[in-house]
Each structure stands twice: as C-alpha cells, then as structure tokens.
Amino acid sequence: MNINAPYIPSDGEGPVFSAPWEARAFAMVVRLHEAGHYTWVQWVEALSSQIAKAEHGEHAKQGHTDDYYECWLAAMEGLLKTLGLMTDEGLSAEIETTLAHWPHPDHVAKREPVARDLPGHVPARL
C-alpha cells in the first residue's frame, strides 16, 4: 500500500466518518446510484481515478495524504459533471446560495462541503 494513498477509515462495523459531511457525501453517492444516475462500475472508475490522482499528485509528493472522503467528494462531482448532471457554474451557485442562507451566521465554511435539500433536485454538494 502506498503510504500516501487515501484509504477508507473503518472499524469492525464498517465505515467511520470523522465529520458529518463525510457521511453525507457517502450517502449521496449511494443514493444517486440507487436512483439510476450512474452504474456502480462508473462510480468505481471515477473514485479509482481520483484516488490515483491523489496518490501521484504534487500534494502526495510533498508527503501529504488527501482524505479519502475528499477523494470521494471530488469523484462524485467529476462524475456528475461528466454525466451532465452538474456544472461548475451550478456548483458555485449552489454553494453561494447555501452559504448566504446558512442557518448559523457564525458558521465559517472552509473545507466542509455544504448542501440544501430541494424537492426533486439533486444537491450540488454534500
């Protein structure tokens, strides 16, 4: 195993999430697949590609690891863009709108992905 490779944090019971956004990203991927937006093979290929980028990117060469769920999130965004279900502009607009209506004005979003639930709408980022 590459020491800089992202890996899925788990215990004997299954995946372990260190932040709420990780669980939301995990659930979004599963739900989008269940809804028929992509096959599991497409998902595995997207995630594998993202992990390979993380393993061999400049960040890894400097001794850092990218978080597994950051790879998960980037793979989901990339796959949704490839399939035409999301655009960079749409993602940016969703993030801006969500942050403008954030329920806690004191919350400072740095790296944590955000999302809004809209009926009949696939959130841009969880």
C-alpha atoms as a PDB file:
ATOM      1  CA  MET A   1       0.000   0.000   0.000  1.00  0.00           C
ATOM      2  CA  ASN A   2       1.267   3.468  -0.876  1.00  0.00           C
ATOM      3  CA  ILE A   3       1.785   5.370   2.372  1.00  0.00           C
ATOM      4  CA  ASN A   4       0.294   8.491   0.768  1.00  0.00           C
ATOM      5  CA  ALA A   5      -2.743   6.688  -0.607  1.00  0.00           C
ATOM      6  CA  PRO A   6      -6.133   7.688   0.768  1.00  0.00           C
ATOM      7  CA  TYR A   7      -7.946   4.816   2.419  1.00  0.00           C
ATOM      8  CA  ILE A   8     -11.426   4.322   3.776  1.00  0.00           C
ATOM      9  CA  PRO A   9     -11.455   4.744   7.548  1.00  0.00           C
ATOM     10  CA  SER A  10     -13.310   1.828   9.109  1.00  0.00           C
ATOM     11  CA  ASP A  11     -13.713  -0.299  12.177  1.00  0.00           C
ATOM     12  CA  GLY A  12     -15.199  -3.759  12.635  1.00  0.00           C
ATOM     13  CA  GLU A  13     -18.694  -2.395  11.976  1.00  0.00           C
ATOM     14  CA  GLY A  14     -17.987  -0.609   8.671  1.00  0.00           C
ATOM     15  CA  PRO A  15     -17.088   2.917   7.521  1.00  0.00           C
ATOM     16  CA  VAL A  16     -16.217   5.513  10.135  1.00  0.00           C
ATOM     17  CA  PHE A  17     -16.847   9.176   9.427  1.00  0.00           C
ATOM     18  CA  SER A  18     -14.839  11.870  11.163  1.00  0.00           C
ATOM     19  CA  ALA A  19     -17.191  14.685  10.129  1.00  0.00           C
ATOM     20  CA  PRO A  20     -20.870  14.908   9.174  1.00  0.00           C
ATOM     21  CA  TRP A  21     -20.053  15.945   5.602  1.00  0.00           C
ATOM     22  CA  GLU A  22     -18.247  12.631   5.047  1.00  0.00           C
ATOM     23  CA  ALA A  23     -21.382  10.665   5.913  1.00  0.00           C
ATOM     24  CA  ARG A  24     -23.473  12.950   3.691  1.00  0.00           C
ATOM     25  CA  ALA A  25     -21.062  12.515   0.761  1.00  0.00           C
ATOM     26  CA  PHE A  26     -21.120   8.742   1.248  1.00  0.00           C
ATOM     27  CA  ALA A  27     -24.934   8.707   1.375  1.00  0.00           C
ATOM     28  CA  MET A  28     -25.249  10.968  -1.683  1.00  0.00           C
ATOM     29  CA  VAL A  29     -23.115   8.652  -3.813  1.00  0.00           C
ATOM     30  CA  VAL A  30     -25.122   5.617  -2.770  1.00  0.00           C
ATOM     31  CA  ARG A  31     -28.467   7.405  -3.266  1.00  0.00           C
ATOM     32  CA  LEU A  32     -27.534   8.781  -6.695  1.00  0.00           C
ATOM     33  CA  HIS A  33     -26.534   5.275  -7.751  1.00  0.00           C
ATOM     34  CA  GLU A  34     -29.772   3.797  -6.378  1.00  0.00           C
ATOM     35  CA  ALA A  35     -31.716   6.473  -8.298  1.00  0.00           C
ATOM     36  CA  GLY A  36     -30.102   5.233 -11.518  1.00  0.00           C
ATOM     37  CA  HIS A  37     -27.942   8.255 -12.295  1.00  0.00           C
ATOM     38  CA  TYR A  38     -24.873   6.059 -12.846  1.00  0.00           C
ATOM     39  CA  THR A  39     -23.756   2.456 -12.564  1.00  0.00           C
ATOM     40  CA  TRP A  40     -21.589   1.226  -9.738  1.00  0.00           C
ATOM     41  CA  VAL A  41     -18.877   0.461 -12.301  1.00  0.00           C
ATOM     42  CA  GLN A  42     -18.914   4.127 -13.378  1.00  0.00           C
ATOM     43  CA  TRP A  43     -18.612   5.141  -9.725  1.00  0.00           C
ATOM     44  CA  VAL A  44     -15.709   2.786  -9.023  1.00  0.00           C
ATOM     45  CA  GLU A  45     -13.855   4.058 -12.098  1.00  0.00           C
ATOM     46  CA  ALA A  46     -14.388   7.696 -11.061  1.00  0.00           C
ATOM     47  CA  LEU A  47     -13.258   7.071  -7.475  1.00  0.00           C
ATOM     48  CA  SER A  48     -10.257   4.987  -8.556  1.00  0.00           C
ATOM     49  CA  SER A  49      -9.162   7.738 -10.910  1.00  0.00           C
ATOM     50  CA  GLN A  50      -9.469  10.368  -8.180  1.00  0.00           C
ATOM     51  CA  ILE A  51      -7.505   8.265  -5.696  1.00  0.00           C
ATOM     52  CA  ALA A  52      -4.773   7.726  -8.309  1.00  0.00           C
ATOM     53  CA  LYS A  53      -4.570  11.496  -8.813  1.00  0.00           C
ATOM     54  CA  ALA A  54      -4.259  11.956  -5.050  1.00  0.00           C
ATOM     55  CA  GLU A  55      -1.548   9.285  -4.795  1.00  0.00           C
ATOM     56  CA  HIS A  56       0.570  10.747  -7.571  1.00  0.00           C
ATOM     57  CA  GLY A  57      -0.212  14.441  -7.319  1.00  0.00           C
ATOM     58  CA  GLU A  58       2.055  17.167  -6.045  1.00  0.00           C
ATOM     59  CA  HIS A  59       0.340  17.072  -2.653  1.00  0.00           C
ATOM     60  CA  ALA A  60       1.344  13.411  -2.168  1.00  0.00           C
ATOM     61  CA  LYS A  61       4.892  14.066  -3.379  1.00  0.00           C
ATOM     62  CA  GLN A  62       5.215  16.560  -0.533  1.00  0.00           C
ATOM     63  CA  GLY A  63       4.287  13.826   1.959  1.00  0.00           C
ATOM     64  CA  HIS A  64       0.641  14.754   2.491  1.00  0.00           C
ATOM     65  CA  THR A  65      -2.332  12.469   2.126  1.00  0.00           C
ATOM     66  CA  ASP A  66      -5.644  13.561   0.723  1.00  0.00           C
ATOM     67  CA  ASP A  67      -8.536  12.493   2.855  1.00  0.00           C
ATOM     68  CA  TYR A  68     -10.421   9.515   1.455  1.00  0.00           C
ATOM     69  CA  TYR A  69     -13.719  11.364   1.563  1.00  0.00           C
ATOM     70  CA  GLU A  70     -12.219  14.388  -0.191  1.00  0.00           C
ATOM     71  CA  CYS A  71     -11.422  11.943  -3.000  1.00  0.00           C
ATOM     72  CA  TRP A  72     -14.954  10.542  -2.699  1.00  0.00           C
ATOM     73  CA  LEU A  73     -16.444  14.027  -2.995  1.00  0.00           C
ATOM     74  CA  ALA A  74     -14.208  15.059  -5.910  1.00  0.00           C
ATOM     75  CA  ALA A  75     -15.050  11.805  -7.733  1.00  0.00           C
ATOM     76  CA  MET A  76     -18.780  12.377  -7.228  1.00  0.00           C
ATOM     77  CA  GLU A  77     -18.561  15.949  -8.509  1.00  0.00           C
ATOM     78  CA  GLY A  78     -16.478  14.850 -11.507  1.00  0.00           C
ATOM     79  CA  LEU A  79     -18.858  12.024 -12.380  1.00  0.00           C
ATOM     80  CA  LEU A  80     -21.920  14.267 -12.111  1.00  0.00           C
ATOM     81  CA  LYS A  81     -20.232  16.831 -14.378  1.00  0.00           C
ATOM     82  CA  THR A  82     -19.255  14.127 -16.890  1.00  0.00           C
ATOM     83  CA  LEU A  83     -22.838  12.875 -16.973  1.00  0.00           C
ATOM     84  CA  GLY A  84     -24.198  16.399 -17.438  1.00  0.00           C
ATOM     85  CA  LEU A  85     -25.995  16.406 -14.094  1.00  0.00           C
ATOM     86  CA  MET A  86     -23.935  19.289 -12.702  1.00  0.00           C
ATOM     87  CA  THR A  87     -21.769  22.138 -13.987  1.00  0.00           C
ATOM     88  CA  ASP A  88     -19.021  24.167 -12.338  1.00  0.00           C
ATOM     89  CA  GLU A  89     -21.292  27.204 -12.532  1.00  0.00           C
ATOM     90  CA  GLY A  90     -24.192  25.303 -10.976  1.00  0.00           C
ATOM     91  CA  LEU A  91     -21.982  24.031  -8.167  1.00  0.00           C
ATOM     92  CA  SER A  92     -20.663  27.514  -7.430  1.00  0.00           C
ATOM     93  CA  ALA A  93     -24.170  28.963  -7.455  1.00  0.00           C
ATOM     94  CA  GLU A  94     -25.448  26.264  -5.080  1.00  0.00           C
ATOM     95  CA  ILE A  95     -22.580  26.854  -2.657  1.00  0.00           C
ATOM     96  CA  GLU A  96     -23.099  30.640  -2.727  1.00  0.00           C
ATOM     97  CA  THR A  97     -26.850  30.280  -2.178  1.00  0.00           C
ATOM     98  CA  THR A  98     -26.389  27.778   0.622  1.00  0.00           C
ATOM     99  CA  LEU A  99     -23.811  29.922   2.404  1.00  0.00           C
ATOM    100  CA  ALA A 100     -25.999  33.021   2.013  1.00  0.00           C
ATOM    101  CA  HIS A 101     -28.838  31.184   3.781  1.00  0.00           C
ATOM    102  CA  TRP A 102     -26.772  29.213   6.240  1.00  0.00           C
ATOM    103  CA  PRO A 103     -28.771  28.568   9.408  1.00  0.00           C
ATOM    104  CA  HIS A 104     -25.916  29.675  11.660  1.00  0.00           C
ATOM    105  CA  PRO A 105     -24.447  33.059  10.659  1.00  0.00           C
ATOM    106  CA  ASP A 106     -21.418  32.432  12.879  1.00  0.00           C
ATOM    107  CA  HIS A 107     -20.503  29.261  10.984  1.00  0.00           C
ATOM    108  CA  VAL A 108     -17.384  29.653   8.883  1.00  0.00           C
ATOM    109  CA  ALA A 109     -17.275  27.209   5.967  1.00  0.00           C
ATOM    110  CA  LYS A 110     -13.728  26.426   4.999  1.00  0.00           C
ATOM    111  CA  ARG A 111     -13.461  22.964   3.517  1.00  0.00           C
ATOM    112  CA  GLU A 112     -16.652  21.314   4.693  1.00  0.00           C
ATOM    113  CA  PRO A 113     -18.995  20.697   1.759  1.00  0.00           C
ATOM    114  CA  VAL A 114     -22.462  22.139   2.061  1.00  0.00           C
ATOM    115  CA  ALA A 115     -25.861  21.278   0.645  1.00  0.00           C
ATOM    116  CA  ARG A 116     -29.502  22.252   0.596  1.00  0.00           C
ATOM    117  CA  ASP A 117     -32.412  19.891   0.168  1.00  0.00           C
ATOM    118  CA  LEU A 118     -34.806  20.922  -2.582  1.00  0.00           C
ATOM    119  CA  PRO A 119     -37.756  18.779  -3.687  1.00  0.00           C
ATOM    120  CA  GLY A 120     -36.903  16.954  -6.909  1.00  0.00           C
ATOM    121  CA  HIS A 121     -33.398  18.429  -7.012  1.00  0.00           C
ATOM    122  CA  VAL A 122     -30.032  16.736  -6.739  1.00  0.00           C
ATOM    123  CA  PRO A 123     -27.987  18.879  -4.312  1.00  0.00           C
ATOM    124  CA  ALA A 124     -24.736  20.087  -5.826  1.00  0.00           C
ATOM    125  CA  ARG A 125     -22.550  19.185  -2.903  1.00  0.00           C
ATOM    126  CA  LEU A 126     -22.903  17.361   0.375  1.00  0.00           C
END
